[in-house]
C-alpha atoms as a PDB file:
ATOM      1  CA  MET A   1     -46.829  24.074  22.908  1.00  0.00           C
ATOM      2  CA  GLY A   2     -43.786  26.324  23.121  1.00  0.00           C
ATOM      3  CA  HIS A   3     -42.365  24.233  25.979  1.00  0.00           C
ATOM      4  CA  VAL A   4     -42.858  21.051  23.930  1.00  0.00           C
ATOM      5  CA  LEU A   5     -41.036  22.615  20.960  1.00  0.00           C
ATOM      6  CA  VAL A   6     -38.158  23.774  23.137  1.00  0.00           C
ATOM      7  CA  LEU A   7     -37.931  20.320  24.751  1.00  0.00           C
ATOM      8  CA  GLY A   8     -37.972  18.667  21.336  1.00  0.00           C
ATOM      9  CA  LEU A   9     -35.199  20.895  20.045  1.00  0.00           C
ATOM     10  CA  ALA A  10     -33.148  20.251  23.178  1.00  0.00           C
ATOM     11  CA  LEU A  11     -33.546  16.483  22.822  1.00  0.00           C
ATOM     12  CA  ALA A  12     -32.638  16.657  19.131  1.00  0.00           C
ATOM     13  CA  SER A  13     -29.571  18.719  19.982  1.00  0.00           C
ATOM     14  CA  MET A  14     -28.523  16.217  22.665  1.00  0.00           C
ATOM     15  CA  MET A  15     -28.963  13.279  20.255  1.00  0.00           C
ATOM     16  CA  SER A  16     -26.958  15.082  17.578  1.00  0.00           C
ATOM     17  CA  LEU A  17     -24.178  15.812  20.093  1.00  0.00           C
ATOM     18  CA  ALA A  18     -24.170  12.190  21.271  1.00  0.00           C
ATOM     19  CA  GLN A  19     -23.891  10.983  17.693  1.00  0.00           C
ATOM     20  CA  ALA A  20     -21.069  13.450  16.997  1.00  0.00           C
ATOM     21  CA  GLN A  21     -19.190  12.225  20.071  1.00  0.00           C
ATOM     22  CA  GLU A  22     -19.741   8.539  19.293  1.00  0.00           C
ATOM     23  CA  ARG A  23     -16.505   6.794  18.442  1.00  0.00           C
ATOM     24  CA  PHE A  24     -16.020   3.426  16.785  1.00  0.00           C
ATOM     25  CA  VAL A  25     -12.763   1.556  17.283  1.00  0.00           C
ATOM     26  CA  VAL A  26     -11.377  -0.211  14.210  1.00  0.00           C
ATOM     27  CA  ARG A  27      -8.475  -2.647  14.607  1.00  0.00           C
ATOM     28  CA  MET A  28      -6.010  -2.210  11.735  1.00  0.00           C
ATOM     29  CA  GLY A  29      -3.098  -4.558  11.071  1.00  0.00           C
ATOM     30  CA  VAL A  30       0.306  -2.924  10.545  1.00  0.00           C
ATOM     31  CA  ILE A  31       3.839  -4.282  10.157  1.00  0.00           C
ATOM     32  CA  ALA A  32       7.071  -2.749  11.360  1.00  0.00           C
ATOM     33  CA  ASN A  33       8.865  -3.214   8.026  1.00  0.00           C
ATOM     34  CA  SER A  34       6.305  -0.955   6.309  1.00  0.00           C
ATOM     35  CA  ALA A  35       5.994   1.673   9.042  1.00  0.00           C
ATOM     36  CA  LYS A  36       8.312   4.074   7.171  1.00  0.00           C
ATOM     37  CA  SER A  37       7.023   3.172   3.713  1.00  0.00           C
ATOM     38  CA  ILE A  38       5.473   5.733   1.385  1.00  0.00           C
ATOM     39  CA  SER A  39       2.495   3.357   1.206  1.00  0.00           C
ATOM     40  CA  GLN A  40       1.610   4.477   4.751  1.00  0.00           C
ATOM     41  CA  LEU A  41       1.167   8.109   3.706  1.00  0.00           C
ATOM     42  CA  GLY A  42      -2.598   7.792   3.236  1.00  0.00           C
ATOM     43  CA  LEU A  43      -2.989   6.257   6.695  1.00  0.00           C
ATOM     44  CA  ASN A  44      -0.857   8.952   8.324  1.00  0.00           C
ATOM     45  CA  ILE A  45      -2.800  11.744   6.630  1.00  0.00           C
ATOM     46  CA  ALA A  46      -6.106  10.170   7.640  1.00  0.00           C
ATOM     47  CA  GLN A  47      -4.916  10.118  11.254  1.00  0.00           C
ATOM     48  CA  LYS A  48      -2.885  13.322  11.544  1.00  0.00           C
ATOM     49  CA  ARG A  49      -5.247  15.585   9.608  1.00  0.00           C
ATOM     50  CA  GLY A  50      -8.326  14.336  11.428  1.00  0.00           C
ATOM     51  CA  PHE A  51     -10.180  12.585   8.616  1.00  0.00           C
ATOM     52  CA  LEU A  52     -10.711   9.438  10.686  1.00  0.00           C
ATOM     53  CA  ALA A  53     -11.732  11.438  13.769  1.00  0.00           C
ATOM     54  CA  HIS A  54     -14.156  13.457  11.649  1.00  0.00           C
ATOM     55  CA  GLN A  55     -15.863  10.186  10.718  1.00  0.00           C
ATOM     56  CA  GLY A  56     -16.059   9.150  14.363  1.00  0.00           C
ATOM     57  CA  LEU A  57     -13.371   6.489  14.024  1.00  0.00           C
ATOM     58  CA  GLU A  58     -10.445   5.598  16.223  1.00  0.00           C
ATOM     59  CA  LEU A  59      -7.808   3.215  14.871  1.00  0.00           C
ATOM     60  CA  GLN A  60      -6.254   0.601  17.104  1.00  0.00           C
ATOM     61  CA  LEU A  61      -3.054  -0.329  15.276  1.00  0.00           C
ATOM     62  CA  VAL A  62      -2.247  -4.012  15.738  1.00  0.00           C
ATOM     63  CA  PRO A  63       1.427  -4.968  15.110  1.00  0.00           C
ATOM     64  CA  LEU A  64       1.864  -8.005  12.834  1.00  0.00           C
ATOM     65  CA  PRO A  65       5.105  -9.938  12.218  1.00  0.00           C
ATOM     66  CA  GLY A  66       5.261  -9.616   8.418  1.00  0.00           C
ATOM     67  CA  VAL A  67       3.447  -8.782   5.189  1.00  0.00           C
ATOM     68  CA  GLN A  68       2.471 -12.400   4.613  1.00  0.00           C
ATOM     69  CA  HIS A  69       0.598 -12.378   7.940  1.00  0.00           C
ATOM     70  CA  GLN A  70      -1.721  -9.457   7.169  1.00  0.00           C
ATOM     71  CA  VAL A  71      -4.453 -11.492   5.473  1.00  0.00           C
ATOM     72  CA  GLU A  72      -3.977 -14.317   7.987  1.00  0.00           C
ATOM     73  CA  ALA A  73      -4.714 -11.881  10.824  1.00  0.00           C
ATOM     74  CA  LEU A  74      -7.968 -10.941   9.077  1.00  0.00           C
ATOM     75  CA  ASP A  75      -8.916 -14.614   8.745  1.00  0.00           C
ATOM     76  CA  LYS A  76      -8.297 -15.166  12.441  1.00  0.00           C
ATOM     77  CA  GLY A  77     -10.321 -12.129  13.459  1.00  0.00           C
ATOM     78  CA  LEU A  78      -7.294 -10.477  15.076  1.00  0.00           C
ATOM     79  CA  VAL A  79      -7.882  -7.286  13.038  1.00  0.00           C
ATOM     80  CA  ASP A  80     -10.852  -5.719  11.254  1.00  0.00           C
ATOM     81  CA  VAL A  81      -8.937  -4.184   8.339  1.00  0.00           C
ATOM     82  CA  SER A  82      -5.386  -4.435   7.055  1.00  0.00           C
ATOM     83  CA  HIS A  83      -3.126  -3.161   4.311  1.00  0.00           C
ATOM     84  CA  THR A  84      -1.955  -6.030   2.140  1.00  0.00           C
ATOM     85  CA  ALA A  85       0.026  -6.422  -1.056  1.00  0.00           C
ATOM     86  CA  THR A  86      -2.446  -7.670  -3.665  1.00  0.00           C
ATOM     87  CA  PRO A  87      -0.726 -11.029  -4.444  1.00  0.00           C
ATOM     88  CA  TYR A  88      -1.145 -12.165  -0.831  1.00  0.00           C
ATOM     89  CA  LEU A  89      -4.836 -11.270  -0.894  1.00  0.00           C
ATOM     90  CA  ILE A  90      -5.294 -13.076  -4.221  1.00  0.00           C
ATOM     91  CA  GLU A  91      -3.672 -16.271  -2.946  1.00  0.00           C
ATOM     92  CA  ASN A  92      -5.608 -16.028   0.315  1.00  0.00           C
ATOM     93  CA  VAL A  93      -8.993 -15.633  -1.402  1.00  0.00           C
ATOM     94  CA  LEU A  94      -8.309 -18.448  -3.864  1.00  0.00           C
ATOM     95  CA  ALA A  95      -7.580 -20.669  -0.865  1.00  0.00           C
ATOM     96  CA  GLY A  96     -11.134 -20.034   0.344  1.00  0.00           C
ATOM     97  CA  SER A  97     -10.800 -16.905   2.487  1.00  0.00           C
ATOM     98  CA  ASP A  98     -13.648 -14.477   3.111  1.00  0.00           C
ATOM     99  CA  ASN A  99     -11.260 -11.513   2.720  1.00  0.00           C
ATOM    100  CA  VAL A 100     -11.836  -8.804   0.146  1.00  0.00           C
ATOM    101  CA  ALA A 101     -10.360  -5.443  -0.909  1.00  0.00           C
ATOM    102  CA  ILE A 102     -12.463  -2.383  -0.050  1.00  0.00           C
ATOM    103  CA  VAL A 103      -9.999   0.546  -0.414  1.00  0.00           C
ATOM    104  CA  GLY A 104      -7.221   1.167  -2.921  1.00  0.00           C
ATOM    105  CA  GLY A 105      -3.635   1.774  -1.890  1.00  0.00           C
ATOM    106  CA  LEU A 106      -0.380   2.435  -3.705  1.00  0.00           C
ATOM    107  CA  ALA A 107      -1.249   1.727  -7.333  1.00  0.00           C
ATOM    108  CA  ASN A 108       1.778   2.075  -9.598  1.00  0.00           C
ATOM    109  CA  PRO A 109       4.832   1.909  -7.362  1.00  0.00           C
ATOM    110  CA  VAL A 110       8.295   2.482  -8.741  1.00  0.00           C
ATOM    111  CA  PHE A 111      10.799  -0.049  -7.417  1.00  0.00           C
ATOM    112  CA  ALA A 112      14.368   0.584  -8.464  1.00  0.00           C
ATOM    113  CA  ILE A 113      17.157  -1.995  -8.525  1.00  0.00           C
ATOM    114  CA  LEU A 114      19.946  -0.490  -6.417  1.00  0.00           C
ATOM    115  CA  ALA A 115      23.386  -2.107  -6.609  1.00  0.00           C
ATOM    116  CA  ASN A 116      26.665  -1.666  -4.773  1.00  0.00           C
ATOM    117  CA  PRO A 117      28.799   1.186  -6.225  1.00  0.00           C
ATOM    118  CA  GLU A 118      31.234  -1.137  -7.992  1.00  0.00           C
ATOM    119  CA  ILE A 119      28.412  -2.752 -10.019  1.00  0.00           C
ATOM    120  CA  LYS A 120      27.576  -0.692 -13.114  1.00  0.00           C
ATOM    121  CA  SER A 121      25.310  -3.006 -15.133  1.00  0.00           C
ATOM    122  CA  TYR A 122      22.899  -5.932 -14.865  1.00  0.00           C
ATOM    123  CA  ALA A 123      25.533  -8.166 -16.494  1.00  0.00           C
ATOM    124  CA  GLU A 124      27.785  -7.643 -13.491  1.00  0.00           C
ATOM    125  CA  LEU A 125      25.130  -9.242 -11.257  1.00  0.00           C
ATOM    126  CA  ARG A 126      25.899 -12.665 -12.723  1.00  0.00           C
ATOM    127  CA  GLY A 127      26.865 -14.913  -9.810  1.00  0.00           C
ATOM    128  CA  LYS A 128      26.000 -12.161  -7.307  1.00  0.00           C
ATOM    129  CA  VAL A 129      23.464 -12.094  -4.446  1.00  0.00           C
ATOM    130  CA  ILE A 130      20.182 -10.256  -4.980  1.00  0.00           C
ATOM    131  CA  GLY A 131      17.846  -9.661  -2.053  1.00  0.00           C
ATOM    132  CA  LEU A 132      14.221 -10.329  -3.012  1.00  0.00           C
ATOM    133  CA  SER A 133      10.886 -10.613  -1.240  1.00  0.00           C
ATOM    134  CA  LEU A 134       8.794 -13.815  -1.270  1.00  0.00           C
ATOM    135  CA  PRO A 135       8.272 -15.464  -4.703  1.00  0.00           C
ATOM    136  CA  VAL A 136       4.589 -14.430  -4.869  1.00  0.00           C
ATOM    137  CA  ASP A 137       5.379 -10.750  -4.260  1.00  0.00           C
ATOM    138  CA  THR A 138       5.125  -8.346  -7.205  1.00  0.00           C
ATOM    139  CA  ILE A 139       8.441  -6.832  -6.052  1.00  0.00           C
ATOM    140  CA  THR A 140      10.117 -10.185  -6.646  1.00  0.00           C
ATOM    141  CA  ILE A 141       8.272 -10.901  -9.885  1.00  0.00           C
ATOM    142  CA  GLY A 142       9.011  -7.430 -11.265  1.00  0.00           C
ATOM    143  CA  THR A 143      12.709  -7.686 -10.358  1.00  0.00           C
ATOM    144  CA  GLU A 144      12.988 -11.082 -12.030  1.00  0.00           C
ATOM    145  CA  MET A 145      11.308  -9.632 -15.138  1.00  0.00           C
ATOM    146  CA  LEU A 146      13.857  -6.795 -15.214  1.00  0.00           C
ATOM    147  CA  LEU A 147      16.740  -9.238 -14.825  1.00  0.00           C
ATOM    148  CA  HIS A 148      15.315 -11.470 -17.559  1.00  0.00           C
ATOM    149  CA  LYS A 149      14.948  -8.453 -19.856  1.00  0.00           C
ATOM    150  CA  ALA A 150      18.639  -7.728 -19.249  1.00  0.00           C
ATOM    151  CA  GLY A 151      19.595 -11.296 -20.222  1.00  0.00           C
ATOM    152  CA  LEU A 152      19.877 -12.891 -16.763  1.00  0.00           C
ATOM    153  CA  GLN A 153      18.003 -16.112 -16.099  1.00  0.00           C
ATOM    154  CA  LYS A 154      17.168 -17.708 -12.763  1.00  0.00           C
ATOM    155  CA  GLY A 155      20.311 -19.538 -11.740  1.00  0.00           C
ATOM    156  CA  ASP A 156      22.548 -16.786 -13.116  1.00  0.00           C
ATOM    157  CA  TYR A 157      22.340 -15.070  -9.732  1.00  0.00           C
ATOM    158  CA  LYS A 158      21.816 -16.059  -6.103  1.00  0.00           C
ATOM    159  CA  VAL A 159      18.701 -15.058  -4.201  1.00  0.00           C
ATOM    160  CA  GLN A 160      18.399 -14.126  -0.556  1.00  0.00           C
ATOM    161  CA  THR A 161      14.776 -13.903   0.599  1.00  0.00           C
ATOM    162  CA  LEU A 162      14.240 -10.718   2.595  1.00  0.00           C
ATOM    163  CA  VAL A 163      10.718  -9.547   3.391  1.00  0.00           C
ATOM    164  CA  GLY A 164      10.523  -5.792   3.891  1.00  0.00           C
ATOM    165  CA  THR A 165      12.435  -2.837   2.499  1.00  0.00           C
ATOM    166  CA  PRO A 166      14.436  -2.108   5.696  1.00  0.00           C
ATOM    167  CA  VAL A 167      16.001  -5.582   5.750  1.00  0.00           C
ATOM    168  CA  ARG A 168      16.841  -5.407   2.038  1.00  0.00           C
ATOM    169  CA  VAL A 169      18.460  -1.997   2.482  1.00  0.00           C
ATOM    170  CA  ALA A 170      20.460  -3.326   5.445  1.00  0.00           C
ATOM    171  CA  CYS A 171      21.582  -6.310   3.370  1.00  0.00           C
ATOM    172  CA  LEU A 172      22.831  -3.967   0.637  1.00  0.00           C
ATOM    173  CA  GLU A 173      24.592  -1.594   3.009  1.00  0.00           C
ATOM    174  CA  GLN A 174      26.229  -4.468   4.885  1.00  0.00           C
ATOM    175  CA  LYS A 175      27.390  -5.867   1.497  1.00  0.00           C
ATOM    176  CA  THR A 176      25.668  -9.177   2.165  1.00  0.00           C
ATOM    177  CA  CYS A 177      23.601  -8.400  -0.930  1.00  0.00           C
ATOM    178  CA  ASP A 178      24.963  -7.021  -4.173  1.00  0.00           C
ATOM    179  CA  ALA A 179      21.631  -5.543  -5.305  1.00  0.00           C
ATOM    180  CA  VAL A 180      18.074  -5.130  -3.976  1.00  0.00           C
ATOM    181  CA  PRO A 181      14.768  -3.635  -5.163  1.00  0.00           C
ATOM    182  CA  VAL A 182      13.617  -0.600  -3.136  1.00  0.00           C
ATOM    183  CA  GLY A 183      10.964   2.086  -3.408  1.00  0.00           C
ATOM    184  CA  GLN A 184      10.865   5.691  -2.282  1.00  0.00           C
ATOM    185  CA  PRO A 185      12.548   7.291  -0.418  1.00  0.00           C
ATOM    186  CA  ASP A 186      15.172   4.534  -0.126  1.00  0.00           C
ATOM    187  CA  ASP A 187      16.151   4.635  -3.810  1.00  0.00           C
ATOM    188  CA  LEU A 188      16.886   8.370  -3.652  1.00  0.00           C
ATOM    189  CA  THR A 189      18.691   8.048  -0.317  1.00  0.00           C
ATOM    190  CA  LEU A 190      20.886   5.187  -1.544  1.00  0.00           C
ATOM    191  CA  MET A 191      21.698   6.946  -4.809  1.00  0.00           C
ATOM    192  CA  ALA A 192      22.858   9.966  -2.817  1.00  0.00           C
ATOM    193  CA  LYS A 193      25.262   7.598  -1.020  1.00  0.00           C
ATOM    194  CA  GLY A 194      26.735   6.362  -4.291  1.00  0.00           C
ATOM    195  CA  TYR A 195      24.720   3.202  -4.916  1.00  0.00           C
ATOM    196  CA  VAL A 196      23.878   2.541  -8.574  1.00  0.00           C
ATOM    197  CA  ASN A 197      20.332   2.569  -9.979  1.00  0.00           C
ATOM    198  CA  LEU A 198      20.265  -0.140 -12.657  1.00  0.00           C
ATOM    199  CA  GLY A 199      16.618   0.335 -13.663  1.00  0.00           C
ATOM    200  CA  ASN A 200      13.092   0.345 -12.295  1.00  0.00           C
ATOM    201  CA  SER A 201       9.826  -1.562 -12.385  1.00  0.00           C
ATOM    202  CA  LEU A 202       8.072   0.849 -14.778  1.00  0.00           C
ATOM    203  CA  GLU A 203      10.151  -0.701 -17.568  1.00  0.00           C
ATOM    204  CA  VAL A 204       8.316  -4.020 -17.202  1.00  0.00           C
ATOM    205  CA  ILE A 205       5.224  -3.222 -15.105  1.00  0.00           C
ATOM    206  CA  PRO A 206       3.775   0.147 -16.122  1.00  0.00           C
ATOM    207  CA  HIS A 207       0.334  -0.513 -14.598  1.00  0.00           C
ATOM    208  CA  LEU A 208      -0.336  -2.186 -11.268  1.00  0.00           C
ATOM    209  CA  GLN A 209      -2.539  -2.173  -8.151  1.00  0.00           C
ATOM    210  CA  PHE A 210       0.278  -2.814  -5.709  1.00  0.00           C
ATOM    211  CA  ASN A 211      -1.598  -2.888  -2.425  1.00  0.00           C
ATOM    212  CA  VAL A 212      -5.088  -2.453  -1.010  1.00  0.00           C
ATOM    213  CA  ILE A 213      -6.870  -2.292   2.313  1.00  0.00           C
ATOM    214  CA  ALA A 214      -8.807  -5.482   2.905  1.00  0.00           C
ATOM    215  CA  THR A 215     -11.379  -6.745   5.364  1.00  0.00           C
ATOM    216  CA  ARG A 216     -13.649  -9.763   5.762  1.00  0.00           C
ATOM    217  CA  ARG A 217     -16.815  -9.677   3.667  1.00  0.00           C
ATOM    218  CA  SER A 218     -18.824 -10.857   6.649  1.00  0.00           C
ATOM    219  CA  TRP A 219     -17.413  -8.176   8.974  1.00  0.00           C
ATOM    220  CA  ALA A 220     -18.062  -5.443   6.400  1.00  0.00           C
ATOM    221  CA  ALA A 221     -21.650  -6.618   5.898  1.00  0.00           C
ATOM    222  CA  ASP A 222     -22.264  -6.592   9.663  1.00  0.00           C
ATOM    223  CA  ASN A 223     -20.593  -3.189  10.102  1.00  0.00           C
ATOM    224  CA  ARG A 224     -21.614  -1.291   6.985  1.00  0.00           C
ATOM    225  CA  ASP A 225     -21.817   2.104   8.719  1.00  0.00           C
ATOM    226  CA  ILE A 226     -18.292   1.748  10.109  1.00  0.00           C
ATOM    227  CA  VAL A 227     -16.941   0.619   6.728  1.00  0.00           C
ATOM    228  CA  MET A 228     -18.554   3.607   5.018  1.00  0.00           C
ATOM    229  CA  ARG A 229     -16.968   5.956   7.582  1.00  0.00           C
ATOM    230  CA  TYR A 230     -13.601   4.284   7.004  1.00  0.00           C
ATOM    231  CA  VAL A 231     -13.883   4.555   3.223  1.00  0.00           C
ATOM    232  CA  ARG A 232     -14.897   8.228   3.415  1.00  0.00           C
ATOM    233  CA  ALA A 233     -11.954   8.994   5.731  1.00  0.00           C
ATOM    234  CA  PHE A 234      -9.414   7.441   3.362  1.00  0.00           C
ATOM    235  CA  GLY A 235     -11.069   9.030   0.340  1.00  0.00           C
ATOM    236  CA  ALA A 236     -10.671  12.426   2.001  1.00  0.00           C
ATOM    237  CA  ALA A 237      -7.038  11.661   2.905  1.00  0.00           C
ATOM    238  CA  TYR A 238      -6.099  10.773  -0.678  1.00  0.00           C
ATOM    239  CA  ALA A 239      -7.942  13.824  -2.039  1.00  0.00           C
ATOM    240  CA  TYR A 240      -5.994  15.988   0.427  1.00  0.00           C
ATOM    241  CA  MET A 241      -2.753  14.362  -0.693  1.00  0.00           C
ATOM    242  CA  ALA A 242      -3.415  15.244  -4.342  1.00  0.00           C
ATOM    243  CA  ASP A 243      -4.595  18.807  -3.697  1.00  0.00           C
ATOM    244  CA  PRO A 244      -1.928  21.243  -5.003  1.00  0.00           C
ATOM    245  CA  ALA A 245      -2.979  23.721  -2.311  1.00  0.00           C
ATOM    246  CA  GLN A 246      -1.717  21.253   0.317  1.00  0.00           C
ATOM    247  CA  LYS A 247       1.664  20.658  -1.335  1.00  0.00           C
ATOM    248  CA  ALA A 248       3.807  22.072   1.475  1.00  0.00           C
ATOM    249  CA  ASP A 249       1.939  20.123   4.152  1.00  0.00           C
ATOM    250  CA  VAL A 250       1.982  16.874   2.141  1.00  0.00           C
ATOM    251  CA  ILE A 251       5.757  17.196   1.645  1.00  0.00           C
ATOM    252  CA  LYS A 252       6.055  17.644   5.408  1.00  0.00           C
ATOM    253  CA  LEU A 253       3.917  14.533   5.950  1.00  0.00           C
ATOM    254  CA  ILE A 254       5.983  12.527   3.433  1.00  0.00           C
ATOM    255  CA  SER A 255       9.081  13.461   5.402  1.00  0.00           C
ATOM    256  CA  GLU A 256       7.417  12.508   8.701  1.00  0.00           C
ATOM    257  CA  THR A 257       6.106   9.224   7.284  1.00  0.00           C
ATOM    258  CA  THR A 258       9.342   8.050   5.685  1.00  0.00           C
ATOM    259  CA  ASP A 259      11.973   9.870   7.769  1.00  0.00           C
ATOM    260  CA  ALA A 260      13.271  11.287   4.477  1.00  0.00           C
ATOM    261  CA  PRO A 261      14.985  14.700   4.482  1.00  0.00           C
ATOM    262  CA  ALA A 262      12.795  17.561   3.276  1.00  0.00           C
ATOM    263  CA  GLU A 263      14.575  17.796  -0.095  1.00  0.00           C
ATOM    264  CA  ILE A 264      13.976  14.102  -0.848  1.00  0.00           C
ATOM    265  CA  ALA A 265      10.362  14.353   0.327  1.00  0.00           C
ATOM    266  CA  GLU A 266       9.885  17.216  -2.114  1.00  0.00           C
ATOM    267  CA  LYS A 267      11.370  15.148  -4.966  1.00  0.00           C
ATOM    268  CA  ILE A 268       8.962  12.311  -4.136  1.00  0.00           C
ATOM    269  CA  TYR A 269       6.004  14.694  -4.154  1.00  0.00           C
ATOM    270  CA  GLU A 270       7.021  16.230  -7.486  1.00  0.00           C
ATOM    271  CA  PHE A 271       7.568  12.801  -9.054  1.00  0.00           C
ATOM    272  CA  TYR A 272       4.180  11.509  -7.832  1.00  0.00           C
ATOM    273  CA  PHE A 273       1.983  14.562  -8.401  1.00  0.00           C
ATOM    274  CA  GLU A 274       3.589  16.992 -10.874  1.00  0.00           C
ATOM    275  CA  PRO A 275       2.007  15.753 -13.056  1.00  0.00           C
ATOM    276  CA  PRO A 276      -0.046  13.029 -11.299  1.00  0.00           C
ATOM    277  CA  ARG A 277       1.276   9.612 -12.349  1.00  0.00           C
ATOM    278  CA  GLY A 278      -1.426   7.432 -10.797  1.00  0.00           C
ATOM    279  CA  ILE A 279       0.952   6.165  -8.121  1.00  0.00           C
ATOM    280  CA  MET A 280      -1.507   7.065  -5.383  1.00  0.00           C
ATOM    281  CA  PRO A 281      -5.213   6.242  -5.722  1.00  0.00           C
ATOM    282  CA  LYS A 282      -7.776   8.901  -6.519  1.00  0.00           C
ATOM    283  CA  GLN A 283     -10.045   9.171  -3.467  1.00  0.00           C
ATOM    284  CA  ALA A 284      -9.202   5.605  -2.357  1.00  0.00           C
ATOM    285  CA  ALA A 285     -10.439   4.026  -5.615  1.00  0.00           C
ATOM    286  CA  ILE A 286      -9.245   0.547  -6.592  1.00  0.00           C
ATOM    287  CA  ASP A 287      -7.663   0.398 -10.050  1.00  0.00           C
ATOM    288  CA  MET A 288      -9.384  -2.652 -11.505  1.00  0.00           C
ATOM    289  CA  GLN A 289      -7.144  -2.733 -14.585  1.00  0.00           C
ATOM    290  CA  GLY A 290      -4.153  -2.564 -12.270  1.00  0.00           C
ATOM    291  CA  LEU A 291      -5.541  -5.449 -10.210  1.00  0.00           C
ATOM    292  CA  LYS A 292      -6.153  -7.439 -13.388  1.00  0.00           C
ATOM    293  CA  ALA A 293      -2.507  -6.803 -14.312  1.00  0.00           C
ATOM    294  CA  VAL A 294      -1.391  -8.365 -11.006  1.00  0.00           C
ATOM    295  CA  VAL A 295      -3.512 -11.456 -11.641  1.00  0.00           C
ATOM    296  CA  GLU A 296      -2.124 -11.792 -15.170  1.00  0.00           C
ATOM    297  CA  MET A 297       1.445 -11.291 -13.987  1.00  0.00           C
ATOM    298  CA  MET A 298       1.064 -13.976 -11.290  1.00  0.00           C
ATOM    299  CA  SER A 299      -0.426 -16.335 -13.883  1.00  0.00           C
ATOM    300  CA  ARG A 300       2.310 -15.618 -16.431  1.00  0.00           C
ATOM    301  CA  VAL A 301       5.105 -16.618 -14.050  1.00  0.00           C
ATOM    302  CA  GLY A 302       3.232 -19.702 -12.816  1.00  0.00           C
ATOM    303  CA  VAL A 303       2.309 -18.453  -9.333  1.00  0.00           C
ATOM    304  CA  LEU A 304      -1.365 -18.892 -10.308  1.00  0.00           C
ATOM    305  CA  LYS A 305      -2.706 -21.798 -12.320  1.00  0.00           C
ATOM    306  CA  ALA A 306      -4.636 -21.170 -15.549  1.00  0.00           C
ATOM    307  CA  PRO A 307      -7.254 -20.027 -16.191  1.00  0.00           C
ATOM    308  CA  ALA A 308      -6.597 -16.692 -14.492  1.00  0.00           C
ATOM    309  CA  PRO A 309      -9.416 -15.641 -12.149  1.00  0.00           C
ATOM    310  CA  GLU A 310     -11.351 -12.418 -12.707  1.00  0.00           C
ATOM    311  CA  ALA A 311     -10.023  -9.404 -10.811  1.00  0.00           C
ATOM    312  CA  SER A 312     -13.563  -8.664  -9.565  1.00  0.00           C
ATOM    313  CA  HIS A 313     -13.345 -11.841  -7.462  1.00  0.00           C
ATOM    314  CA  PHE A 314     -11.049 -10.067  -4.996  1.00  0.00           C
ATOM    315  CA  VAL A 315     -12.897  -6.786  -4.408  1.00  0.00           C
ATOM    316  CA  ASP A 316     -16.162  -5.467  -3.043  1.00  0.00           C
ATOM    317  CA  LEU A 317     -16.675  -2.064  -4.638  1.00  0.00           C
ATOM    318  CA  GLN A 318     -20.074  -1.313  -3.099  1.00  0.00           C
ATOM    319  CA  TYR A 319     -18.620   0.869  -0.332  1.00  0.00           C
ATOM    320  CA  LEU A 320     -16.445   2.965  -2.652  1.00  0.00           C
ATOM    321  CA  GLN A 321     -19.363   3.269  -5.061  1.00  0.00           C
ATOM    322  CA  ALA A 322     -21.738   4.346  -2.287  1.00  0.00           C
ATOM    323  CA  ALA A 323     -19.213   7.027  -1.283  1.00  0.00           C
ATOM    324  CA  GLY A 324     -18.941   8.203  -4.907  1.00  0.00           C
ATOM    325  CA  PHE A 325     -15.238   7.280  -5.152  1.00  0.00           C
ATOM    326  CA  GLN A 326     -15.313   4.369  -7.643  1.00  0.00           C
END
C-alpha cells in the first residue's frame, strides 16, 4: 500500500511538473509605428516581469504594416490576438467580422496638438498643413473637434494623412507639417525642443476607450484556457503598473518602452498615476462607457450611420468576468 501511495504521489508530481512546463504560443500582431508607444507598456510589463511566462504563455510577435491592418490580420488568421484602436474594430465588426475585444488597453489618452515654434495659436493654423491619422481614427476626430472648437472648419487648413506617431513627429520636425497630434512621451519631448502645445484631447474627449486587445470569437471559444491565461497575465501587468510600490520599476519600464529620458518617464508616471486618471485600465478591464463614447463620437461626425450600435456588440466580457477583472 505504501509503494502504491509513493507511486501515486510521484505520478502526481510528474503531471504537475509537466503542466507547469507546458507552454502555449500565442501569435500577437504588432506594428512598428506603435513599438515605442506608451500603449505598449502593458505588453512590455507582461513580458519583462514574467506575467505571461507565469501563465505558461509565449508570445510570437507578428509584425504588421499599419494600424488599419491589425483587425484584418485577425480576420485572415495570421494572428491570434492584436492590439487595435477601437474605431477600426468597430468598423470591422459592423462589416461582418468575427473579431471582438477581450482586454482593455489605453483608455483615456491625452493627445496634444504640437505646432512649430513660430505658431502660437490655433488661428495661425489657417492655411497650414496638419498631419492627421486616417479619418476614422479617434486621433483625427479629436483633433478636428479641437480645431472646430477654436473656430477652424475643414477647408481652413490642409491635411496630410500620416498613420503612426513617428511619421507625424518626423513631418513636424522636417517642417513638412505645421502641427500634429501626439501622445506621450512625444509631446513632452517636443515641448522641450521649443514646439508649442496648443491644447489637448481632454478638452473635447474627456472619456474614451482608445484601444483594446481583440481576437476572433471563434478562436477564443476554441481556446478558452489560453484566453483565460492571457487575460490573467495582462490583468497582473496592469495591476503591477498601478502599484505605488513598483513606481521606480514602472518608470524604468516606461523609459525602456518609449525611449524617453528618465525625467520624462517620471513625469508620465506622475501624470498617469498620481492620482490615477484612468488612462490605463484597471486589471485589463474594458471601459464600456468609454467604448460607448467612441461609438457616439464616430456617429456624430458621420463615420457611422445612425442608429448608433450598442457598445456591447464589440466586446466579449466573459473572460475578464471569469478572471474577476470586469
